[in-house]
Amino acid sequence: MFSNPWANASRISPAARHDPINRQPGGHIGLHSYKDRPAVVYFVQGTDTVIRDDGTSQTFHPGDTTGETGKTVHWHRNDGKDAVIAITADIFKTDK
């Protein structure tokens, strides 16, 4: 079991959401963007390759972190033999 570093994120602001991600070997998450919801990601387990819409890619391993801006468009692929486990925290704009 792992410790969720953002376990209380939803208590910090009603505009924050945190989600665990568990993607099995060979699995993927389809093309998506972060328009209106920047995010931070902490990789707990596995080998996650991110392929951006411009064709560049980056591989993440346990302990790595990344930030996604509103301009980010990409998809994920699990290239390892273990499940990819990651924690994301998305920040949403709210009306004042």
PDB file of N, CA and C in Angstrom:
ATOM      1  N   MET A   1       0.849  -1.183   0.000  1.00  0.00           N
ATOM      2  CA  MET A   1       0.000   0.000   0.000  1.00  0.00           C
ATOM      3  C   MET A   1       0.887   1.235   0.000  1.00  0.00           C
ATOM      4  N   PHE A   2       0.403   2.286  -0.612  1.00  0.00           N
ATOM      5  CA  PHE A   2       1.179   3.506  -0.680  1.00  0.00           C
ATOM      6  C   PHE A   2       0.448   4.626   0.028  1.00  0.00           C
ATOM      7  N   SER A   3       1.203   5.640   0.403  1.00  0.00           N
ATOM      8  CA  SER A   3       0.630   6.803   1.053  1.00  0.00           C
ATOM      9  C   SER A   3       0.251   7.829  -0.002  1.00  0.00           C
ATOM     10  N   ASN A   4      -0.947   8.352   0.055  1.00  0.00           N
ATOM     11  CA  ASN A   4      -1.430   9.339  -0.893  1.00  0.00           C
ATOM     12  C   ASN A   4      -1.016  10.728  -0.423  1.00  0.00           C
ATOM     13  N   PRO A   5      -0.060  11.375  -1.098  1.00  0.00           N
ATOM     14  CA  PRO A   5       0.411  12.678  -0.642  1.00  0.00           C
ATOM     15  C   PRO A   5      -0.646  13.774  -0.744  1.00  0.00           C
ATOM     16  N   TRP A   6      -1.714  13.530  -1.498  1.00  0.00           N
ATOM     17  CA  TRP A   6      -2.777  14.515  -1.641  1.00  0.00           C
ATOM     18  C   TRP A   6      -4.074  14.051  -0.999  1.00  0.00           C
ATOM     19  N   ALA A   7      -3.990  13.219   0.021  1.00  0.00           N
ATOM     20  CA  ALA A   7      -5.174  12.644   0.648  1.00  0.00           C
ATOM     21  C   ALA A   7      -6.157  13.695   1.126  1.00  0.00           C
ATOM     22  N   ASN A   8      -5.677  14.871   1.507  1.00  0.00           N
ATOM     23  CA  ASN A   8      -6.562  15.918   2.012  1.00  0.00           C
ATOM     24  C   ASN A   8      -6.759  17.059   1.020  1.00  0.00           C
ATOM     25  N   ALA A   9      -6.395  16.843  -0.243  1.00  0.00           N
ATOM     26  CA  ALA A   9      -6.492  17.927  -1.224  1.00  0.00           C
ATOM     27  C   ALA A   9      -7.911  18.450  -1.369  1.00  0.00           C
ATOM     28  N   SER A  10      -8.902  17.573  -1.314  1.00  0.00           N
ATOM     29  CA  SER A  10     -10.267  18.040  -1.482  1.00  0.00           C
ATOM     30  C   SER A  10     -10.709  18.907  -0.306  1.00  0.00           C
ATOM     31  N   ARG A  11     -10.006  18.846   0.808  1.00  0.00           N
ATOM     32  CA  ARG A  11     -10.328  19.682   1.962  1.00  0.00           C
ATOM     33  C   ARG A  11      -9.651  21.051   1.869  1.00  0.00           C
ATOM     34  N   ILE A  12      -8.630  21.154   1.027  1.00  0.00           N
ATOM     35  CA  ILE A  12      -7.909  22.415   0.881  1.00  0.00           C
ATOM     36  C   ILE A  12      -8.781  23.424   0.132  1.00  0.00           C
ATOM     37  N   SER A  13      -9.417  22.991  -0.916  1.00  0.00           N
ATOM     38  CA  SER A  13     -10.234  23.873  -1.738  1.00  0.00           C
ATOM     39  C   SER A  13     -11.313  23.056  -2.426  1.00  0.00           C
ATOM     40  N   PRO A  14     -12.508  23.599  -2.547  1.00  0.00           N
ATOM     41  CA  PRO A  14     -13.544  22.874  -3.285  1.00  0.00           C
ATOM     42  C   PRO A  14     -13.215  22.772  -4.766  1.00  0.00           C
ATOM     43  N   ALA A  15     -12.180  23.490  -5.208  1.00  0.00           N
ATOM     44  CA  ALA A  15     -11.786  23.466  -6.608  1.00  0.00           C
ATOM     45  C   ALA A  15     -10.674  22.469  -6.889  1.00  0.00           C
ATOM     46  N   ALA A  16     -10.258  21.657  -5.913  1.00  0.00           N
ATOM     47  CA  ALA A  16      -9.200  20.664  -6.109  1.00  0.00           C
ATOM     48  C   ALA A  16      -9.803  19.273  -6.142  1.00  0.00           C
ATOM     49  N   ARG A  17      -9.260  18.430  -7.004  1.00  0.00           N
ATOM     50  CA  ARG A  17      -9.691  17.036  -7.060  1.00  0.00           C
ATOM     51  C   ARG A  17      -8.449  16.171  -7.121  1.00  0.00           C
ATOM     52  N   HIS A  18      -8.441  15.084  -6.379  1.00  0.00           N
ATOM     53  CA  HIS A  18      -7.312  14.159  -6.445  1.00  0.00           C
ATOM     54  C   HIS A  18      -7.826  12.787  -6.812  1.00  0.00           C
ATOM     55  N   ASP A  19      -7.094  12.117  -7.680  1.00  0.00           N
ATOM     56  CA  ASP A  19      -7.497  10.812  -8.182  1.00  0.00           C
ATOM     57  C   ASP A  19      -6.306   9.870  -8.228  1.00  0.00           C
ATOM     58  N   PRO A  20      -6.463   8.648  -7.716  1.00  0.00           N
ATOM     59  CA  PRO A  20      -5.426   7.639  -7.957  1.00  0.00           C
ATOM     60  C   PRO A  20      -5.640   7.042  -9.350  1.00  0.00           C
ATOM     61  N   ILE A  21      -4.560   6.728 -10.020  1.00  0.00           N
ATOM     62  CA  ILE A  21      -4.635   6.084 -11.335  1.00  0.00           C
ATOM     63  C   ILE A  21      -3.933   4.745 -11.221  1.00  0.00           C
ATOM     64  N   ASN A  22      -4.581   3.691 -11.723  1.00  0.00           N
ATOM     65  CA  ASN A  22      -4.004   2.349 -11.720  1.00  0.00           C
ATOM     66  C   ASN A  22      -4.187   1.793 -13.129  1.00  0.00           C
ATOM     67  N   ARG A  23      -3.083   1.705 -13.887  1.00  0.00           N
ATOM     68  CA  ARG A  23      -3.130   1.265 -15.274  1.00  0.00           C
ATOM     69  C   ARG A  23      -2.269   0.009 -15.422  1.00  0.00           C
ATOM     70  N   GLN A  24      -2.870  -1.058 -15.870  1.00  0.00           N
ATOM     71  CA  GLN A  24      -2.193  -2.342 -15.997  1.00  0.00           C
ATOM     72  C   GLN A  24      -1.181  -2.339 -17.151  1.00  0.00           C
ATOM     73  N   PRO A  25      -0.210  -3.265 -17.138  1.00  0.00           N
ATOM     74  CA  PRO A  25       0.786  -3.345 -18.212  1.00  0.00           C
ATOM     75  C   PRO A  25       0.106  -3.413 -19.581  1.00  0.00           C
ATOM     76  N   GLY A  26       0.617  -2.626 -20.517  1.00  0.00           N
ATOM     77  CA  GLY A  26       0.041  -2.567 -21.853  1.00  0.00           C
ATOM     78  C   GLY A  26      -1.138  -1.618 -21.959  1.00  0.00           C
ATOM     79  N   GLY A  27      -1.629  -1.123 -20.832  1.00  0.00           N
ATOM     80  CA  GLY A  27      -2.782  -0.222 -20.836  1.00  0.00           C
ATOM     81  C   GLY A  27      -2.410   1.189 -21.238  1.00  0.00           C
ATOM     82  N   HIS A  28      -3.429   1.971 -21.535  1.00  0.00           N
ATOM     83  CA  HIS A  28      -3.192   3.354 -21.913  1.00  0.00           C
ATOM     84  C   HIS A  28      -4.369   4.236 -21.499  1.00  0.00           C
ATOM     85  N   ILE A  29      -4.124   5.526 -21.486  1.00  0.00           N
ATOM     86  CA  ILE A  29      -5.168   6.543 -21.327  1.00  0.00           C
ATOM     87  C   ILE A  29      -5.148   7.337 -22.623  1.00  0.00           C
ATOM     88  N   GLY A  30      -6.286   7.501 -23.261  1.00  0.00           N
ATOM     89  CA  GLY A  30      -6.377   8.187 -24.546  1.00  0.00           C
ATOM     90  C   GLY A  30      -6.015   9.662 -24.485  1.00  0.00           C
ATOM     91  N   LEU A  31      -5.924  10.253 -25.658  1.00  0.00           N
ATOM     92  CA  LEU A  31      -5.560  11.656 -25.817  1.00  0.00           C
ATOM     93  C   LEU A  31      -6.503  12.542 -24.998  1.00  0.00           C
ATOM     94  N   HIS A  32      -5.917  13.438 -24.214  1.00  0.00           N
ATOM     95  CA  HIS A  32      -6.704  14.352 -23.382  1.00  0.00           C
ATOM     96  C   HIS A  32      -5.928  15.642 -23.148  1.00  0.00           C
ATOM     97  N   SER A  33      -6.645  16.669 -22.717  1.00  0.00           N
ATOM     98  CA  SER A  33      -6.008  17.964 -22.458  1.00  0.00           C
ATOM     99  C   SER A  33      -6.267  18.382 -21.022  1.00  0.00           C
ATOM    100  N   TYR A  34      -5.610  19.464 -20.631  1.00  0.00           N
ATOM    101  CA  TYR A  34      -5.765  20.013 -19.284  1.00  0.00           C
ATOM    102  C   TYR A  34      -6.322  21.429 -19.344  1.00  0.00           C
ATOM    103  N   LYS A  35      -7.080  21.715 -20.396  1.00  0.00           N
ATOM    104  CA  LYS A  35      -7.693  23.037 -20.534  1.00  0.00           C
ATOM    105  C   LYS A  35      -8.566  23.296 -19.309  1.00  0.00           C
ATOM    106  N   ASP A  36      -8.363  24.420 -18.679  1.00  0.00           N
ATOM    107  CA  ASP A  36      -9.139  24.838 -17.499  1.00  0.00           C
ATOM    108  C   ASP A  36      -8.930  23.964 -16.273  1.00  0.00           C
ATOM    109  N   ARG A  37      -7.912  23.087 -16.271  1.00  0.00           N
ATOM    110  CA  ARG A  37      -7.655  22.271 -15.082  1.00  0.00           C
ATOM    111  C   ARG A  37      -6.190  21.831 -15.015  1.00  0.00           C
ATOM    112  N   PRO A  38      -5.291  22.734 -14.666  1.00  0.00           N
ATOM    113  CA  PRO A  38      -3.897  22.317 -14.501  1.00  0.00           C
ATOM    114  C   PRO A  38      -3.797  21.231 -13.429  1.00  0.00           C
ATOM    115  N   ALA A  39      -2.758  20.440 -13.501  1.00  0.00           N
ATOM    116  CA  ALA A  39      -2.632  19.304 -12.584  1.00  0.00           C
ATOM    117  C   ALA A  39      -1.174  19.048 -12.225  1.00  0.00           C
ATOM    118  N   VAL A  40      -0.992  18.346 -11.111  1.00  0.00           N
ATOM    119  CA  VAL A  40       0.310  17.793 -10.743  1.00  0.00           C
ATOM    120  C   VAL A  40       0.134  16.289 -10.612  1.00  0.00           C
ATOM    121  N   VAL A  41       1.186  15.547 -10.937  1.00  0.00           N
ATOM    122  CA  VAL A  41       1.136  14.086 -10.913  1.00  0.00           C
ATOM    123  C   VAL A  41       2.353  13.560 -10.168  1.00  0.00           C
ATOM    124  N   TYR A  42       2.119  12.574  -9.302  1.00  0.00           N
ATOM    125  CA  TYR A  42       3.187  11.879  -8.585  1.00  0.00           C
ATOM    126  C   TYR A  42       3.097  10.405  -8.967  1.00  0.00           C
ATOM    127  N   PHE A  43       4.186   9.846  -9.503  1.00  0.00           N
ATOM    128  CA  PHE A  43       4.210   8.449  -9.932  1.00  0.00           C
ATOM    129  C   PHE A  43       4.703   7.571  -8.791  1.00  0.00           C
ATOM    130  N   VAL A  44       3.891   6.607  -8.406  1.00  0.00           N
ATOM    131  CA  VAL A  44       4.168   5.732  -7.270  1.00  0.00           C
ATOM    132  C   VAL A  44       4.823   4.437  -7.717  1.00  0.00           C
ATOM    133  N   GLN A  45       4.370   3.884  -8.847  1.00  0.00           N
ATOM    134  CA  GLN A  45       4.837   2.564  -9.301  1.00  0.00           C
ATOM    135  C   GLN A  45       4.744   2.484 -10.815  1.00  0.00           C
ATOM    136  N   GLY A  46       5.613   1.686 -11.421  1.00  0.00           N
ATOM    137  CA  GLY A  46       5.515   1.389 -12.842  1.00  0.00           C
ATOM    138  C   GLY A  46       6.317   2.327 -13.727  1.00  0.00           C
ATOM    139  N   THR A  47       6.170   2.109 -15.038  1.00  0.00           N
ATOM    140  CA  THR A  47       6.853   2.884 -16.068  1.00  0.00           C
ATOM    141  C   THR A  47       5.801   3.482 -16.982  1.00  0.00           C
ATOM    142  N   ASP A  48       5.618   4.795 -16.915  1.00  0.00           N
ATOM    143  CA  ASP A  48       4.586   5.484 -17.672  1.00  0.00           C
ATOM    144  C   ASP A  48       5.226   6.361 -18.734  1.00  0.00           C
ATOM    145  N   THR A  49       4.854   6.143 -19.985  1.00  0.00           N
ATOM    146  CA  THR A  49       5.346   6.973 -21.077  1.00  0.00           C
ATOM    147  C   THR A  49       4.225   7.910 -21.509  1.00  0.00           C
ATOM    148  N   VAL A  50       4.539   9.192 -21.551  1.00  0.00           N
ATOM    149  CA  VAL A  50       3.594  10.223 -21.975  1.00  0.00           C
ATOM    150  C   VAL A  50       3.980  10.650 -23.384  1.00  0.00           C
ATOM    151  N   ILE A  51       3.015  10.578 -24.305  1.00  0.00           N
ATOM    152  CA  ILE A  51       3.252  11.003 -25.688  1.00  0.00           C
ATOM    153  C   ILE A  51       2.427  12.264 -25.926  1.00  0.00           C
ATOM    154  N   ARG A  52       3.105  13.353 -26.263  1.00  0.00           N
ATOM    155  CA  ARG A  52       2.443  14.643 -26.461  1.00  0.00           C
ATOM    156  C   ARG A  52       1.939  14.796 -27.895  1.00  0.00           C
ATOM    157  N   ASP A  53       1.026  15.735 -28.079  1.00  0.00           N
ATOM    158  CA  ASP A  53       0.444  15.941 -29.401  1.00  0.00           C
ATOM    159  C   ASP A  53       1.460  16.417 -30.434  1.00  0.00           C
ATOM    160  N   ASP A  54       2.629  16.918 -30.000  1.00  0.00           N
ATOM    161  CA  ASP A  54       3.663  17.339 -30.949  1.00  0.00           C
ATOM    162  C   ASP A  54       4.612  16.187 -31.304  1.00  0.00           C
ATOM    163  N   GLY A  55       4.337  14.970 -30.767  1.00  0.00           N
ATOM    164  CA  GLY A  55       5.147  13.794 -31.077  1.00  0.00           C
ATOM    165  C   GLY A  55       6.272  13.516 -30.105  1.00  0.00           C
ATOM    166  N   THR A  56       6.569  14.438 -29.200  1.00  0.00           N
ATOM    167  CA  THR A  56       7.610  14.201 -28.201  1.00  0.00           C
ATOM    168  C   THR A  56       7.063  13.288 -27.106  1.00  0.00           C
ATOM    169  N   SER A  57       7.956  12.660 -26.380  1.00  0.00           N
ATOM    170  CA  SER A  57       7.524  11.775 -25.297  1.00  0.00           C
ATOM    171  C   SER A  57       8.479  11.889 -24.113  1.00  0.00           C
ATOM    172  N   GLN A  58       7.997  11.429 -22.971  1.00  0.00           N
ATOM    173  CA  GLN A  58       8.797  11.414 -21.745  1.00  0.00           C
ATOM    174  C   GLN A  58       8.350  10.205 -20.928  1.00  0.00           C
ATOM    175  N   THR A  59       9.306   9.524 -20.310  1.00  0.00           N
ATOM    176  CA  THR A  59       8.998   8.353 -19.497  1.00  0.00           C
ATOM    177  C   THR A  59       9.189   8.694 -18.029  1.00  0.00           C
ATOM    178  N   PHE A  60       8.213   8.286 -17.211  1.00  0.00           N
ATOM    179  CA  PHE A  60       8.233   8.550 -15.778  1.00  0.00           C
ATOM    180  C   PHE A  60       8.340   7.247 -14.997  1.00  0.00           C
ATOM    181  N   HIS A  61       9.028   7.314 -13.855  1.00  0.00           N
ATOM    182  CA  HIS A  61       9.274   6.171 -12.983  1.00  0.00           C
ATOM    183  C   HIS A  61       8.841   6.512 -11.559  1.00  0.00           C
ATOM    184  N   PRO A  62       8.791   5.512 -10.665  1.00  0.00           N
ATOM    185  CA  PRO A  62       8.391   5.789  -9.275  1.00  0.00           C
ATOM    186  C   PRO A  62       9.202   6.932  -8.661  1.00  0.00           C
ATOM    187  N   GLY A  63       8.491   7.853  -8.009  1.00  0.00           N
ATOM    188  CA  GLY A  63       9.123   8.999  -7.376  1.00  0.00           C
ATOM    189  C   GLY A  63       9.165  10.241  -8.248  1.00  0.00           C
ATOM    190  N   ASP A  64       8.909  10.089  -9.551  1.00  0.00           N
ATOM    191  CA  ASP A  64       8.892  11.238 -10.455  1.00  0.00           C
ATOM    192  C   ASP A  64       7.618  12.046 -10.258  1.00  0.00           C
ATOM    193  N   THR A  65       7.715  13.334 -10.557  1.00  0.00           N
ATOM    194  CA  THR A  65       6.553  14.218 -10.537  1.00  0.00           C
ATOM    195  C   THR A  65       6.552  15.046 -11.814  1.00  0.00           C
ATOM    196  N   THR A  66       5.380  15.540 -12.172  1.00  0.00           N
ATOM    197  CA  THR A  66       5.268  16.438 -13.312  1.00  0.00           C
ATOM    198  C   THR A  66       4.081  17.362 -13.109  1.00  0.00           C
ATOM    199  N   GLY A  67       4.125  18.489 -13.764  1.00  0.00           N
ATOM    200  CA  GLY A  67       3.011  19.424 -13.745  1.00  0.00           C
ATOM    201  C   GLY A  67       2.448  19.564 -15.146  1.00  0.00           C
ATOM    202  N   GLU A  68       1.142  19.657 -15.249  1.00  0.00           N
ATOM    203  CA  GLU A  68       0.486  19.796 -16.545  1.00  0.00           C
ATOM    204  C   GLU A  68      -0.229  21.135 -16.590  1.00  0.00           C
ATOM    205  N   THR A  69       0.030  21.914 -17.634  1.00  0.00           N
ATOM    206  CA  THR A  69      -0.598  23.224 -17.774  1.00  0.00           C
ATOM    207  C   THR A  69      -1.824  23.127 -18.667  1.00  0.00           C
ATOM    208  N   GLY A  70      -2.523  24.215 -18.813  1.00  0.00           N
ATOM    209  CA  GLY A  70      -3.708  24.254 -19.665  1.00  0.00           C
ATOM    210  C   GLY A  70      -3.416  24.004 -21.128  1.00  0.00           C
ATOM    211  N   LYS A  71      -2.140  24.096 -21.516  1.00  0.00           N
ATOM    212  CA  LYS A  71      -1.771  23.868 -22.913  1.00  0.00           C
ATOM    213  C   LYS A  71      -1.408  22.409 -23.198  1.00  0.00           C
ATOM    214  N   THR A  72      -1.339  21.581 -22.173  1.00  0.00           N
ATOM    215  CA  THR A  72      -0.922  20.185 -22.334  1.00  0.00           C
ATOM    216  C   THR A  72      -1.993  19.356 -23.039  1.00  0.00           C
ATOM    217  N   VAL A  73      -1.575  18.634 -24.087  1.00  0.00           N
ATOM    218  CA  VAL A  73      -2.416  17.637 -24.754  1.00  0.00           C
ATOM    219  C   VAL A  73      -1.525  16.411 -24.937  1.00  0.00           C
ATOM    220  N   HIS A  74      -1.940  15.272 -24.384  1.00  0.00           N
ATOM    221  CA  HIS A  74      -1.107  14.069 -24.471  1.00  0.00           C
ATOM    222  C   HIS A  74      -1.924  12.809 -24.193  1.00  0.00           C
ATOM    223  N   TRP A  75      -1.254  11.649 -24.310  1.00  0.00           N
ATOM    224  CA  TRP A  75      -1.838  10.383 -23.902  1.00  0.00           C
ATOM    225  C   TRP A  75      -0.767   9.590 -23.174  1.00  0.00           C
ATOM    226  N   HIS A  76      -1.179   8.569 -22.399  1.00  0.00           N
ATOM    227  CA  HIS A  76      -0.260   7.771 -21.568  1.00  0.00           C
ATOM    228  C   HIS A  76      -0.249   6.321 -22.036  1.00  0.00           C
ATOM    229  N   ARG A  77       0.919   5.682 -21.876  1.00  0.00           N
ATOM    230  CA  ARG A  77       1.068   4.262 -22.201  1.00  0.00           C
ATOM    231  C   ARG A  77       1.901   3.601 -21.099  1.00  0.00           C
ATOM    232  N   ASN A  78       1.448   2.467 -20.601  1.00  0.00           N
ATOM    233  CA  ASN A  78       2.212   1.701 -19.617  1.00  0.00           C
ATOM    234  C   ASN A  78       3.159   0.782 -20.373  1.00  0.00           C
ATOM    235  N   ASP A  79       4.443   1.093 -20.337  1.00  0.00           N
ATOM    236  CA  ASP A  79       5.456   0.309 -21.042  1.00  0.00           C
ATOM    237  C   ASP A  79       6.155  -0.715 -20.159  1.00  0.00           C
ATOM    238  N   GLY A  80       5.741  -0.815 -18.905  1.00  0.00           N
ATOM    239  CA  GLY A  80       6.440  -1.699 -17.979  1.00  0.00           C
ATOM    240  C   GLY A  80       5.741  -3.026 -17.754  1.00  0.00           C
ATOM    241  N   LYS A  81       6.299  -3.797 -16.828  1.00  0.00           N
ATOM    242  CA  LYS A  81       5.746  -5.105 -16.463  1.00  0.00           C
ATOM    243  C   LYS A  81       4.836  -5.018 -15.248  1.00  0.00           C
ATOM    244  N   ASP A  82       4.823  -3.852 -14.578  1.00  0.00           N
ATOM    245  CA  ASP A  82       3.979  -3.633 -13.402  1.00  0.00           C
ATOM    246  C   ASP A  82       2.902  -2.607 -13.728  1.00  0.00           C
ATOM    247  N   ALA A  83       1.847  -2.603 -12.928  1.00  0.00           N
ATOM    248  CA  ALA A  83       0.821  -1.574 -13.070  1.00  0.00           C
ATOM    249  C   ALA A  83       1.440  -0.206 -12.799  1.00  0.00           C
ATOM    250  N   VAL A  84       0.970   0.797 -13.520  1.00  0.00           N
ATOM    251  CA  VAL A  84       1.345   2.177 -13.231  1.00  0.00           C
ATOM    252  C   VAL A  84       0.366   2.689 -12.182  1.00  0.00           C
ATOM    253  N   ILE A  85       0.900   3.155 -11.082  1.00  0.00           N
ATOM    254  CA  ILE A  85       0.077   3.791 -10.055  1.00  0.00           C
ATOM    255  C   ILE A  85       0.580   5.218  -9.922  1.00  0.00           C
ATOM    256  N   ALA A  86      -0.338   6.152 -10.084  1.00  0.00           N
ATOM    257  CA  ALA A  86       0.006   7.574  -9.995  1.00  0.00           C
ATOM    258  C   ALA A  86      -1.116   8.293  -9.266  1.00  0.00           C
ATOM    259  N   ILE A  87      -0.765   9.387  -8.637  1.00  0.00           N
ATOM    260  CA  ILE A  87      -1.739  10.233  -7.956  1.00  0.00           C
ATOM    261  C   ILE A  87      -1.766  11.567  -8.698  1.00  0.00           C
ATOM    262  N   THR A  88      -2.947  12.007  -9.074  1.00  0.00           N
ATOM    263  CA  THR A  88      -3.070  13.298  -9.726  1.00  0.00           C
ATOM    264  C   THR A  88      -3.880  14.250  -8.854  1.00  0.00           C
ATOM    265  N   ALA A  89      -3.550  15.509  -8.956  1.00  0.00           N
ATOM    266  CA  ALA A  89      -4.337  16.550  -8.290  1.00  0.00           C
ATOM    267  C   ALA A  89      -4.639  17.604  -9.345  1.00  0.00           C
ATOM    268  N   ASP A  90      -5.917  17.733  -9.708  1.00  0.00           N
ATOM    269  CA  ASP A  90      -6.364  18.715 -10.684  1.00  0.00           C
ATOM    270  C   ASP A  90      -6.915  19.936  -9.964  1.00  0.00           C
ATOM    271  N   ILE A  91      -6.642  21.103 -10.486  1.00  0.00           N
ATOM    272  CA  ILE A  91      -7.127  22.348  -9.909  1.00  0.00           C
ATOM    273  C   ILE A  91      -8.111  22.976 -10.908  1.00  0.00           C
ATOM    274  N   PHE A  92      -9.330  23.228 -10.444  1.00  0.00           N
ATOM    275  CA  PHE A  92     -10.378  23.785 -11.292  1.00  0.00           C
ATOM    276  C   PHE A  92     -10.639  25.243 -10.959  1.00  0.00           C
ATOM    277  N   LYS A  93     -10.974  26.019 -11.975  1.00  0.00           N
ATOM    278  CA  LYS A  93     -11.375  27.403 -11.743  1.00  0.00           C
ATOM    279  C   LYS A  93     -12.784  27.402 -11.167  1.00  0.00           C
ATOM    280  N   THR A  94     -13.026  28.330 -10.248  1.00  0.00           N
ATOM    281  CA  THR A  94     -14.364  28.471  -9.687  1.00  0.00           C
ATOM    282  C   THR A  94     -14.855  29.891  -9.876  1.00  0.00           C
ATOM    283  N   ASP A  95     -16.158  30.049  -9.938  1.00  0.00           N
ATOM    284  CA  ASP A  95     -16.744  31.388 -10.008  1.00  0.00           C
ATOM    285  C   ASP A  95     -16.683  32.021  -8.639  1.00  0.00           C
ATOM    286  N   LYS A  96     -16.373  33.307  -8.608  1.00  0.00           N
ATOM    287  CA  LYS A  96     -16.311  34.015  -7.333  1.00  0.00           C
ATOM    288  C   LYS A  96     -17.628  34.653  -7.028  1.00  0.00           C
TER     289      LYS A  96
END
